């Protein structure tokens, strides 16, 4: 990919170089409007391209202090239109995007050092629409997050992965808020927890599991707070703790078991405070 882009750059450079030789640089017309080929000094080096009636037009190329290529960008009537490419001091791609009417459009790619992808994002009219993929820095092509967006807002499934590709979590969004069953995983793709959400708050059943797949905790939520029965089990399925929550606080009788049916302790609570 790097070689293809650099070849295209050389063609563009040749066109601009010839044009620059045939005309004077940095000229204005009788109205003081910039016209023709210009070279502009910027903080990172020098930018070269064409002005038409004081507006950037066509391909502009930016060079660093040592003459190394840093940026290629396309303009139409002063607005970004078409390819936008950034290159680091070593000649590797950093950014590869496209613009339409000065707004990001289509697939935008960013890279870590070398050619390893950092992110691949779908844009429409300047906003993320579609998939967004984020990659691990030191593992070529390994995805850490893959999410769905509508107008810059998460909408749909977001998946998170370990560096070996195993799932870490699966979240579902609606208009930027968690909605539905959210899942997390142990290393090795084994389910760790399931939690239902409503309007970005925990709501309904929560289950947590041992790596063996056996249920560890069963509880319920209402508007983000624990509400109703709570049970905790050992890995053999024996009951360890049992009680209830009201408005996020322990309420009533709570019983502790040995896991084999024997009661070890009974405690009563009122609004989370243990009764003596």
C-alpha atoms as a PDB file:
ATOM      1  CA  UNK A   1       0.000   0.000   0.000  1.00  0.00           C
ATOM      2  CA  UNK A   2       2.820   2.349   0.883  1.00  0.00           C
ATOM      3  CA  UNK A   3       4.504   1.858  -2.513  1.00  0.00           C
ATOM      4  CA  UNK A   4       1.260   2.432  -4.426  1.00  0.00           C
ATOM      5  CA  UNK A   5       0.583   5.697  -2.634  1.00  0.00           C
ATOM      6  CA  UNK A   6       4.151   6.944  -3.051  1.00  0.00           C
ATOM      7  CA  UNK A   7       3.984   6.201  -6.785  1.00  0.00           C
ATOM      8  CA  UNK A   8       0.816   8.267  -7.072  1.00  0.00           C
ATOM      9  CA  UNK A   9       2.493  11.028  -5.103  1.00  0.00           C
ATOM     10  CA  UNK A  10       5.427  11.154  -7.515  1.00  0.00           C
ATOM     11  CA  UNK A  11       3.035  11.643 -10.438  1.00  0.00           C
ATOM     12  CA  UNK A  12       1.301  14.491  -8.614  1.00  0.00           C
ATOM     13  CA  UNK A  13       4.633  16.054  -7.728  1.00  0.00           C
ATOM     14  CA  UNK A  14       5.719  16.011 -11.354  1.00  0.00           C
ATOM     15  CA  UNK A  15       2.552  17.786 -12.483  1.00  0.00           C
ATOM     16  CA  UNK A  16       2.851  20.455  -9.808  1.00  0.00           C
ATOM     17  CA  UNK A  17       6.573  20.912 -10.414  1.00  0.00           C
ATOM     18  CA  UNK A  18       6.085  21.503 -14.159  1.00  0.00           C
ATOM     19  CA  UNK A  19       3.225  23.897 -13.514  1.00  0.00           C
ATOM     20  CA  UNK A  20       5.336  25.802 -11.000  1.00  0.00           C
ATOM     21  CA  UNK A  21       8.171  26.191 -13.501  1.00  0.00           C
ATOM     22  CA  UNK A  22       5.841  27.688 -16.082  1.00  0.00           C
ATOM     23  CA  UNK A  23       4.458  30.422 -13.867  1.00  0.00           C
ATOM     24  CA  UNK A  24       5.522  32.743 -11.121  1.00  0.00           C
ATOM     25  CA  UNK A  25       4.822  31.691  -7.543  1.00  0.00           C
ATOM     26  CA  UNK A  26       2.725  33.502  -4.943  1.00  0.00           C
ATOM     27  CA  UNK A  27       0.942  35.936  -7.251  1.00  0.00           C
ATOM     28  CA  UNK A  28      -2.219  37.950  -6.648  1.00  0.00           C
ATOM     29  CA  UNK A  29      -4.493  39.619  -9.186  1.00  0.00           C
ATOM     30  CA  UNK A  30      -5.606  43.242  -9.354  1.00  0.00           C
ATOM     31  CA  UNK A  31      -8.198  42.583  -6.655  1.00  0.00           C
ATOM     32  CA  UNK A  32      -5.591  41.119  -4.308  1.00  0.00           C
ATOM     33  CA  UNK A  33      -6.868  37.566  -4.747  1.00  0.00           C
ATOM     34  CA  UNK A  34      -4.365  34.721  -4.736  1.00  0.00           C
ATOM     35  CA  UNK A  35      -3.997  33.123  -8.154  1.00  0.00           C
ATOM     36  CA  UNK A  36      -1.847  30.321  -9.541  1.00  0.00           C
ATOM     37  CA  UNK A  37       0.849  28.280  -7.819  1.00  0.00           C
ATOM     38  CA  UNK A  38       1.672  29.154  -4.223  1.00  0.00           C
ATOM     39  CA  UNK A  39       4.137  28.024  -1.599  1.00  0.00           C
ATOM     40  CA  UNK A  40       3.090  28.717   1.985  1.00  0.00           C
ATOM     41  CA  UNK A  41       5.267  28.279   5.044  1.00  0.00           C
ATOM     42  CA  UNK A  42       3.552  26.461   7.914  1.00  0.00           C
ATOM     43  CA  UNK A  43       4.753  25.208  11.294  1.00  0.00           C
ATOM     44  CA  UNK A  44       5.641  21.756   9.939  1.00  0.00           C
ATOM     45  CA  UNK A  45       7.338  22.932   6.734  1.00  0.00           C
ATOM     46  CA  UNK A  46       5.960  24.242   3.440  1.00  0.00           C
ATOM     47  CA  UNK A  47       2.671  23.646   1.636  1.00  0.00           C
ATOM     48  CA  UNK A  48       2.445  23.889  -2.166  1.00  0.00           C
ATOM     49  CA  UNK A  49      -0.561  24.056  -4.443  1.00  0.00           C
ATOM     50  CA  UNK A  50      -2.892  26.072  -6.622  1.00  0.00           C
ATOM     51  CA  UNK A  51      -5.128  29.034  -5.792  1.00  0.00           C
ATOM     52  CA  UNK A  52      -8.067  30.091  -7.930  1.00  0.00           C
ATOM     53  CA  UNK A  53      -9.718  33.331  -6.873  1.00  0.00           C
ATOM     54  CA  UNK A  54      -8.204  33.121  -3.382  1.00  0.00           C
ATOM     55  CA  UNK A  55      -9.438  29.557  -2.850  1.00  0.00           C
ATOM     56  CA  UNK A  56      -7.359  26.404  -2.762  1.00  0.00           C
ATOM     57  CA  UNK A  57      -7.978  24.153  -5.749  1.00  0.00           C
ATOM     58  CA  UNK A  58      -6.777  20.689  -6.686  1.00  0.00           C
ATOM     59  CA  UNK A  59      -3.975  18.796  -4.967  1.00  0.00           C
ATOM     60  CA  UNK A  60      -1.936  20.478  -2.234  1.00  0.00           C
ATOM     61  CA  UNK A  61       1.226  18.870  -0.934  1.00  0.00           C
ATOM     62  CA  UNK A  62       3.022  19.587   2.337  1.00  0.00           C
ATOM     63  CA  UNK A  63       6.738  18.944   2.878  1.00  0.00           C
ATOM     64  CA  UNK A  64       8.737  18.820   6.085  1.00  0.00           C
ATOM     65  CA  UNK A  65      11.889  20.847   6.835  1.00  0.00           C
ATOM     66  CA  UNK A  66      14.040  18.211   5.141  1.00  0.00           C
ATOM     67  CA  UNK A  67      11.885  18.053   2.029  1.00  0.00           C
ATOM     68  CA  UNK A  68      10.134  14.861   3.100  1.00  0.00           C
ATOM     69  CA  UNK A  69       6.520  14.408   2.091  1.00  0.00           C
ATOM     70  CA  UNK A  70       4.071  14.925   4.990  1.00  0.00           C
ATOM     71  CA  UNK A  71       0.609  15.489   3.544  1.00  0.00           C
ATOM     72  CA  UNK A  72      -1.475  15.298   0.383  1.00  0.00           C
ATOM     73  CA  UNK A  73      -4.910  16.900   0.323  1.00  0.00           C
ATOM     74  CA  UNK A  74      -7.397  17.743  -2.406  1.00  0.00           C
ATOM     75  CA  UNK A  75      -9.516  20.906  -2.591  1.00  0.00           C
ATOM     76  CA  UNK A  76     -12.401  22.287  -4.598  1.00  0.00           C
ATOM     77  CA  UNK A  77     -13.268  25.966  -4.206  1.00  0.00           C
ATOM     78  CA  UNK A  78     -11.390  26.127  -0.910  1.00  0.00           C
ATOM     79  CA  UNK A  79     -13.064  23.082   0.611  1.00  0.00           C
ATOM     80  CA  UNK A  80     -11.523  19.664   1.118  1.00  0.00           C
ATOM     81  CA  UNK A  81     -12.793  17.384  -1.629  1.00  0.00           C
ATOM     82  CA  UNK A  82     -11.310  13.955  -2.205  1.00  0.00           C
ATOM     83  CA  UNK A  83      -8.239  12.284  -0.775  1.00  0.00           C
ATOM     84  CA  UNK A  84      -6.452  13.363   2.417  1.00  0.00           C
ATOM     85  CA  UNK A  85      -3.247  11.516   3.281  1.00  0.00           C
ATOM     86  CA  UNK A  86      -0.749  12.091   6.101  1.00  0.00           C
ATOM     87  CA  UNK A  87       2.718  10.525   6.145  1.00  0.00           C
ATOM     88  CA  UNK A  88       5.194  10.418   9.014  1.00  0.00           C
ATOM     89  CA  UNK A  89       8.873  11.431   8.952  1.00  0.00           C
ATOM     90  CA  UNK A  90       9.880   7.880   8.012  1.00  0.00           C
ATOM     91  CA  UNK A  91       7.583   7.709   5.007  1.00  0.00           C
ATOM     92  CA  UNK A  92       4.843   5.571   6.534  1.00  0.00           C
ATOM     93  CA  UNK A  93       1.142   6.286   6.268  1.00  0.00           C
ATOM     94  CA  UNK A  94      -0.512   7.838   9.325  1.00  0.00           C
ATOM     95  CA  UNK A  95      -3.930   8.823   7.960  1.00  0.00           C
ATOM     96  CA  UNK A  96      -5.855   7.969   4.807  1.00  0.00           C
ATOM     97  CA  UNK A  97      -9.290   9.582   4.502  1.00  0.00           C
ATOM     98  CA  UNK A  98     -11.664  11.150   1.991  1.00  0.00           C
ATOM     99  CA  UNK A  99     -13.720  14.333   2.071  1.00  0.00           C
ATOM    100  CA  UNK A 100     -16.884  15.520   0.385  1.00  0.00           C
ATOM    101  CA  UNK A 101     -17.919  19.149   0.800  1.00  0.00           C
ATOM    102  CA  UNK A 102     -15.266  19.535   3.520  1.00  0.00           C
ATOM    103  CA  UNK A 103     -16.736  16.656   5.549  1.00  0.00           C
ATOM    104  CA  UNK A 104     -15.345  13.178   6.083  1.00  0.00           C
ATOM    105  CA  UNK A 105     -16.982  10.678   3.743  1.00  0.00           C
ATOM    106  CA  UNK A 106     -16.445   6.945   3.327  1.00  0.00           C
ATOM    107  CA  UNK A 107     -13.768   4.839   4.992  1.00  0.00           C
ATOM    108  CA  UNK A 108     -11.192   6.648   7.161  1.00  0.00           C
ATOM    109  CA  UNK A 109      -8.044   4.731   8.084  1.00  0.00           C
ATOM    110  CA  UNK A 110      -5.366   5.486  10.648  1.00  0.00           C
ATOM    111  CA  UNK A 111      -2.147   3.563  11.143  1.00  0.00           C
ATOM    112  CA  UNK A 112       0.358   2.832  13.870  1.00  0.00           C
ATOM    113  CA  UNK A 113       4.058   2.928  12.997  1.00  0.00           C
ATOM    114  CA  UNK A 114       4.557   1.036   9.756  1.00  0.00           C
ATOM    115  CA  UNK A 115       1.475  -0.326   8.048  1.00  0.00           C
ATOM    116  CA  UNK A 116      -0.370  -1.734  11.078  1.00  0.00           C
ATOM    117  CA  UNK A 117      -3.933  -0.368  11.231  1.00  0.00           C
ATOM    118  CA  UNK A 118      -4.963   1.706  14.270  1.00  0.00           C
ATOM    119  CA  UNK A 119      -8.592   2.277  13.273  1.00  0.00           C
ATOM    120  CA  UNK A 120     -10.984   1.878  10.347  1.00  0.00           C
ATOM    121  CA  UNK A 121     -14.104   4.034  10.555  1.00  0.00           C
ATOM    122  CA  UNK A 122     -17.077   4.564   8.217  1.00  0.00           C
ATOM    123  CA  UNK A 123     -18.145   8.197   7.766  1.00  0.00           C
ATOM    124  CA  UNK A 124     -21.108   9.874   6.131  1.00  0.00           C
ATOM    125  CA  UNK A 125     -21.443  13.665   6.002  1.00  0.00           C
ATOM    126  CA  UNK A 126     -18.719  14.096   8.624  1.00  0.00           C
ATOM    127  CA  UNK A 127     -20.183  11.715  11.190  1.00  0.00           C
ATOM    128  CA  UNK A 128     -19.472   8.097  12.048  1.00  0.00           C
ATOM    129  CA  UNK A 129     -22.114   5.990  10.343  1.00  0.00           C
ATOM    130  CA  UNK A 130     -21.588   2.255  10.193  1.00  0.00           C
ATOM    131  CA  UNK A 131     -18.711   0.308  11.674  1.00  0.00           C
ATOM    132  CA  UNK A 132     -15.802   1.531  13.745  1.00  0.00           C
ATOM    133  CA  UNK A 133     -12.886  -0.833  14.269  1.00  0.00           C
ATOM    134  CA  UNK A 134     -10.040  -0.150  16.695  1.00  0.00           C
ATOM    135  CA  UNK A 135      -6.889  -2.292  16.668  1.00  0.00           C
ATOM    136  CA  UNK A 136      -4.218  -3.269  19.181  1.00  0.00           C
ATOM    137  CA  UNK A 137      -0.990  -1.348  18.637  1.00  0.00           C
ATOM    138  CA  UNK A 138       1.506  -4.164  18.969  1.00  0.00           C
ATOM    139  CA  UNK A 139      -0.492  -6.950  17.313  1.00  0.00           C
ATOM    140  CA  UNK A 140      -0.949  -6.436  13.580  1.00  0.00           C
ATOM    141  CA  UNK A 141      -4.585  -6.690  12.534  1.00  0.00           C
ATOM    142  CA  UNK A 142      -5.905  -7.714  15.961  1.00  0.00           C
ATOM    143  CA  UNK A 143      -9.179  -5.920  16.737  1.00  0.00           C
ATOM    144  CA  UNK A 144      -9.782  -4.610  20.265  1.00  0.00           C
ATOM    145  CA  UNK A 145     -13.193  -3.021  19.577  1.00  0.00           C
ATOM    146  CA  UNK A 146     -15.779  -3.247  16.818  1.00  0.00           C
ATOM    147  CA  UNK A 147     -18.846  -1.034  17.199  1.00  0.00           C
ATOM    148  CA  UNK A 148     -21.804   0.213  15.169  1.00  0.00           C
ATOM    149  CA  UNK A 149     -22.673   3.918  14.974  1.00  0.00           C
ATOM    150  CA  UNK A 150     -25.389   6.212  13.687  1.00  0.00           C
ATOM    151  CA  UNK A 151     -24.480   9.907  13.399  1.00  0.00           C
ATOM    152  CA  UNK A 152     -21.552   9.645  15.851  1.00  0.00           C
ATOM    153  CA  UNK A 153     -23.666   7.750  18.411  1.00  0.00           C
ATOM    154  CA  UNK A 154     -23.297   4.086  19.281  1.00  0.00           C
ATOM    155  CA  UNK A 155     -26.304   2.240  17.915  1.00  0.00           C
ATOM    156  CA  UNK A 156     -26.208  -1.536  17.763  1.00  0.00           C
ATOM    157  CA  UNK A 157     -23.659  -4.045  18.983  1.00  0.00           C
ATOM    158  CA  UNK A 158     -20.227  -3.195  20.399  1.00  0.00           C
ATOM    159  CA  UNK A 159     -17.823  -6.109  20.705  1.00  0.00           C
ATOM    160  CA  UNK A 160     -14.571  -6.001  22.674  1.00  0.00           C
ATOM    161  CA  UNK A 161     -11.803  -8.549  22.176  1.00  0.00           C
ATOM    162  CA  UNK A 162      -8.655  -9.793  23.873  1.00  0.00           C
ATOM    163  CA  UNK A 163      -5.434  -9.677  21.885  1.00  0.00           C
ATOM    164  CA  UNK A 164      -5.853 -13.371  21.000  1.00  0.00           C
ATOM    165  CA  UNK A 165      -9.281 -12.665  19.496  1.00  0.00           C
ATOM    166  CA  UNK A 166     -11.359 -14.049  22.362  1.00  0.00           C
ATOM    167  CA  UNK A 167     -14.409 -11.955  23.330  1.00  0.00           C
ATOM    168  CA  UNK A 168     -14.193  -9.772  26.446  1.00  0.00           C
ATOM    169  CA  UNK A 169     -17.620  -8.147  26.317  1.00  0.00           C
ATOM    170  CA  UNK A 170     -20.639  -7.683  24.080  1.00  0.00           C
ATOM    171  CA  UNK A 171     -22.707  -4.557  24.659  1.00  0.00           C
ATOM    172  CA  UNK A 172     -25.877  -3.459  22.874  1.00  0.00           C
ATOM    173  CA  UNK A 173     -26.670   0.231  22.415  1.00  0.00           C
ATOM    174  CA  UNK A 174     -29.734   2.152  21.320  1.00  0.00           C
ATOM    175  CA  UNK A 175     -29.225   5.860  20.630  1.00  0.00           C
ATOM    176  CA  UNK A 176     -26.031   5.855  22.698  1.00  0.00           C
ATOM    177  CA  UNK A 177     -27.517   4.090  25.711  1.00  0.00           C
ATOM    178  CA  UNK A 178     -27.098   0.517  26.882  1.00  0.00           C
ATOM    179  CA  UNK A 179     -30.227  -1.446  26.025  1.00  0.00           C
ATOM    180  CA  UNK A 180     -30.944  -5.162  26.312  1.00  0.00           C
ATOM    181  CA  UNK A 181     -28.723  -8.001  27.508  1.00  0.00           C
ATOM    182  CA  UNK A 182     -25.045  -7.104  28.025  1.00  0.00           C
ATOM    183  CA  UNK A 183     -22.497  -9.900  28.256  1.00  0.00           C
ATOM    184  CA  UNK A 184     -18.957 -10.268  29.594  1.00  0.00           C
ATOM    185  CA  UNK A 185     -16.606 -13.218  29.191  1.00  0.00           C
ATOM    186  CA  UNK A 186     -13.784 -15.059  30.898  1.00  0.00           C
ATOM    187  CA  UNK A 187     -10.614 -15.693  28.885  1.00  0.00           C
ATOM    188  CA  UNK A 188     -11.391 -18.573  26.569  1.00  0.00           C
ATOM    189  CA  UNK A 189     -14.864 -17.387  25.453  1.00  0.00           C
ATOM    190  CA  UNK A 190     -16.663 -18.617  28.570  1.00  0.00           C
ATOM    191  CA  UNK A 191     -19.572 -16.480  29.771  1.00  0.00           C
ATOM    192  CA  UNK A 192     -18.880 -14.437  32.930  1.00  0.00           C
ATOM    193  CA  UNK A 193     -22.054 -12.384  33.314  1.00  0.00           C
ATOM    194  CA  UNK A 194     -25.364 -11.385  31.744  1.00  0.00           C
ATOM    195  CA  UNK A 195     -27.049  -8.126  32.699  1.00  0.00           C
ATOM    196  CA  UNK A 196     -30.200  -6.630  31.231  1.00  0.00           C
ATOM    197  CA  UNK A 197     -30.340  -2.850  30.700  1.00  0.00           C
ATOM    198  CA  UNK A 198     -33.207  -0.447  30.077  1.00  0.00           C
ATOM    199  CA  UNK A 199     -32.474   3.182  29.140  1.00  0.00           C
ATOM    200  CA  UNK A 200     -28.816   2.838  30.193  1.00  0.00           C
ATOM    201  CA  UNK A 201     -29.660   1.454  33.647  1.00  0.00           C
ATOM    202  CA  UNK A 202     -29.484  -2.087  34.995  1.00  0.00           C
ATOM    203  CA  UNK A 203     -32.992  -3.503  34.865  1.00  0.00           C
ATOM    204  CA  UNK A 204     -34.206  -7.046  35.374  1.00  0.00           C
ATOM    205  CA  UNK A 205     -32.247 -10.251  35.782  1.00  0.00           C
ATOM    206  CA  UNK A 206     -28.495 -10.377  36.448  1.00  0.00           C
ATOM    207  CA  UNK A 207     -26.560 -13.636  36.300  1.00  0.00           C
ATOM    208  CA  UNK A 208     -22.919 -14.286  37.061  1.00  0.00           C
ATOM    209  CA  UNK A 209     -21.201 -17.577  36.289  1.00  0.00           C
ATOM    210  CA  UNK A 210     -18.200 -19.624  37.300  1.00  0.00           C
ATOM    211  CA  UNK A 211     -15.774 -20.567  34.520  1.00  0.00           C
ATOM    212  CA  UNK A 212     -17.352 -24.017  34.614  1.00  0.00           C
ATOM    213  CA  UNK A 213     -20.619 -22.479  33.439  1.00  0.00           C
ATOM    214  CA  UNK A 214     -22.401 -23.017  36.752  1.00  0.00           C
ATOM    215  CA  UNK A 215     -24.413 -20.092  38.134  1.00  0.00           C
ATOM    216  CA  UNK A 216     -22.625 -18.074  40.836  1.00  0.00           C
ATOM    217  CA  UNK A 217     -25.051 -15.187  41.475  1.00  0.00           C
ATOM    218  CA  UNK A 218     -28.693 -14.520  40.590  1.00  0.00           C
ATOM    219  CA  UNK A 219     -30.187 -11.122  41.329  1.00  0.00           C
ATOM    220  CA  UNK A 220     -32.536  -8.473  39.972  1.00  0.00           C
ATOM    221  CA  UNK A 221     -32.252  -4.763  39.250  1.00  0.00           C
ATOM    222  CA  UNK A 222     -34.711  -1.927  38.918  1.00  0.00           C
ATOM    223  CA  UNK A 223     -33.660   1.484  37.562  1.00  0.00           C
ATOM    224  CA  UNK A 224     -29.991   0.747  38.250  1.00  0.00           C
ATOM    225  CA  UNK A 225     -30.420  -0.576  41.793  1.00  0.00           C
ATOM    226  CA  UNK A 226     -30.614  -4.073  43.227  1.00  0.00           C
ATOM    227  CA  UNK A 227     -34.243  -5.004  43.816  1.00  0.00           C
ATOM    228  CA  UNK A 228     -35.809  -8.285  44.892  1.00  0.00           C
ATOM    229  CA  UNK A 229     -34.369 -11.758  45.524  1.00  0.00           C
ATOM    230  CA  UNK A 230     -30.620 -12.367  45.672  1.00  0.00           C
ATOM    231  CA  UNK A 231     -28.955 -15.781  45.646  1.00  0.00           C
ATOM    232  CA  UNK A 232     -25.324 -16.849  45.618  1.00  0.00           C
ATOM    233  CA  UNK A 233     -24.128 -20.414  44.960  1.00  0.00           C
ATOM    234  CA  UNK A 234     -20.928 -22.409  45.180  1.00  0.00           C
ATOM    235  CA  UNK A 235     -19.599 -24.124  42.071  1.00  0.00           C
ATOM    236  CA  UNK A 236     -21.413 -27.348  42.951  1.00  0.00           C
ATOM    237  CA  UNK A 237     -24.748 -25.529  42.956  1.00  0.00           C
ATOM    238  CA  UNK A 238     -25.087 -25.356  46.737  1.00  0.00           C
ATOM    239  CA  UNK A 239     -26.673 -22.220  48.175  1.00  0.00           C
ATOM    240  CA  UNK A 240     -24.286 -19.872  50.031  1.00  0.00           C
ATOM    241  CA  UNK A 241     -26.294 -16.691  50.581  1.00  0.00           C
ATOM    242  CA  UNK A 242     -29.935 -15.774  50.191  1.00  0.00           C
ATOM    243  CA  UNK A 243     -31.826 -12.567  50.824  1.00  0.00           C
ATOM    244  CA  UNK A 244     -33.539  -9.598  49.219  1.00  0.00           C
ATOM    245  CA  UNK A 245     -32.830  -5.999  48.217  1.00  0.00           C
ATOM    246  CA  UNK A 246     -35.122  -2.988  48.269  1.00  0.00           C
ATOM    247  CA  UNK A 247     -33.992   0.157  46.484  1.00  0.00           C
ATOM    248  CA  UNK A 248     -30.396  -1.069  46.394  1.00  0.00           C
ATOM    249  CA  UNK A 249     -30.167  -1.978  50.099  1.00  0.00           C
ATOM    250  CA  UNK A 250     -30.429  -5.257  51.965  1.00  0.00           C
ATOM    251  CA  UNK A 251     -33.868  -5.733  53.489  1.00  0.00           C
ATOM    252  CA  UNK A 252     -35.391  -8.415  55.704  1.00  0.00           C
ATOM    253  CA  UNK A 253     -33.901 -11.823  56.454  1.00  0.00           C
ATOM    254  CA  UNK A 254     -30.557 -12.803  54.968  1.00  0.00           C
ATOM    255  CA  UNK A 255     -29.352 -16.362  55.382  1.00  0.00           C
ATOM    256  CA  UNK A 256     -25.836 -17.739  55.011  1.00  0.00           C
ATOM    257  CA  UNK A 257     -25.398 -21.454  54.185  1.00  0.00           C
ATOM    258  CA  UNK A 258     -22.474 -23.871  54.111  1.00  0.00           C
ATOM    259  CA  UNK A 259     -23.244 -24.898  50.520  1.00  0.00           C
ATOM    260  CA  UNK A 260     -24.699 -28.231  51.574  1.00  0.00           C
ATOM    261  CA  UNK A 261     -27.999 -26.987  53.008  1.00  0.00           C
ATOM    262  CA  UNK A 262     -26.872 -26.208  56.554  1.00  0.00           C
ATOM    263  CA  UNK A 263     -27.682 -22.733  57.884  1.00  0.00           C
ATOM    264  CA  UNK A 264     -24.641 -20.938  59.263  1.00  0.00           C
ATOM    265  CA  UNK A 265     -26.051 -17.518  60.026  1.00  0.00           C
ATOM    266  CA  UNK A 266     -29.288 -15.522  59.837  1.00  0.00           C
ATOM    267  CA  UNK A 267     -29.256 -11.728  59.870  1.00  0.00           C
ATOM    268  CA  UNK A 268     -32.078  -9.202  59.513  1.00  0.00           C
ATOM    269  CA  UNK A 269     -31.688  -5.859  57.760  1.00  0.00           C
ATOM    270  CA  UNK A 270     -33.675  -2.635  57.575  1.00  0.00           C
ATOM    271  CA  UNK A 271     -32.666  -0.268  54.775  1.00  0.00           C
ATOM    272  CA  UNK A 272     -29.239  -1.859  54.629  1.00  0.00           C
ATOM    273  CA  UNK A 273     -28.602  -1.681  58.373  1.00  0.00           C
ATOM    274  CA  UNK A 274     -28.171  -4.913  60.298  1.00  0.00           C
ATOM    275  CA  UNK A 275     -30.559  -5.410  63.195  1.00  0.00           C
ATOM    276  CA  UNK A 276     -28.904  -6.464  66.426  1.00  0.00           C
END
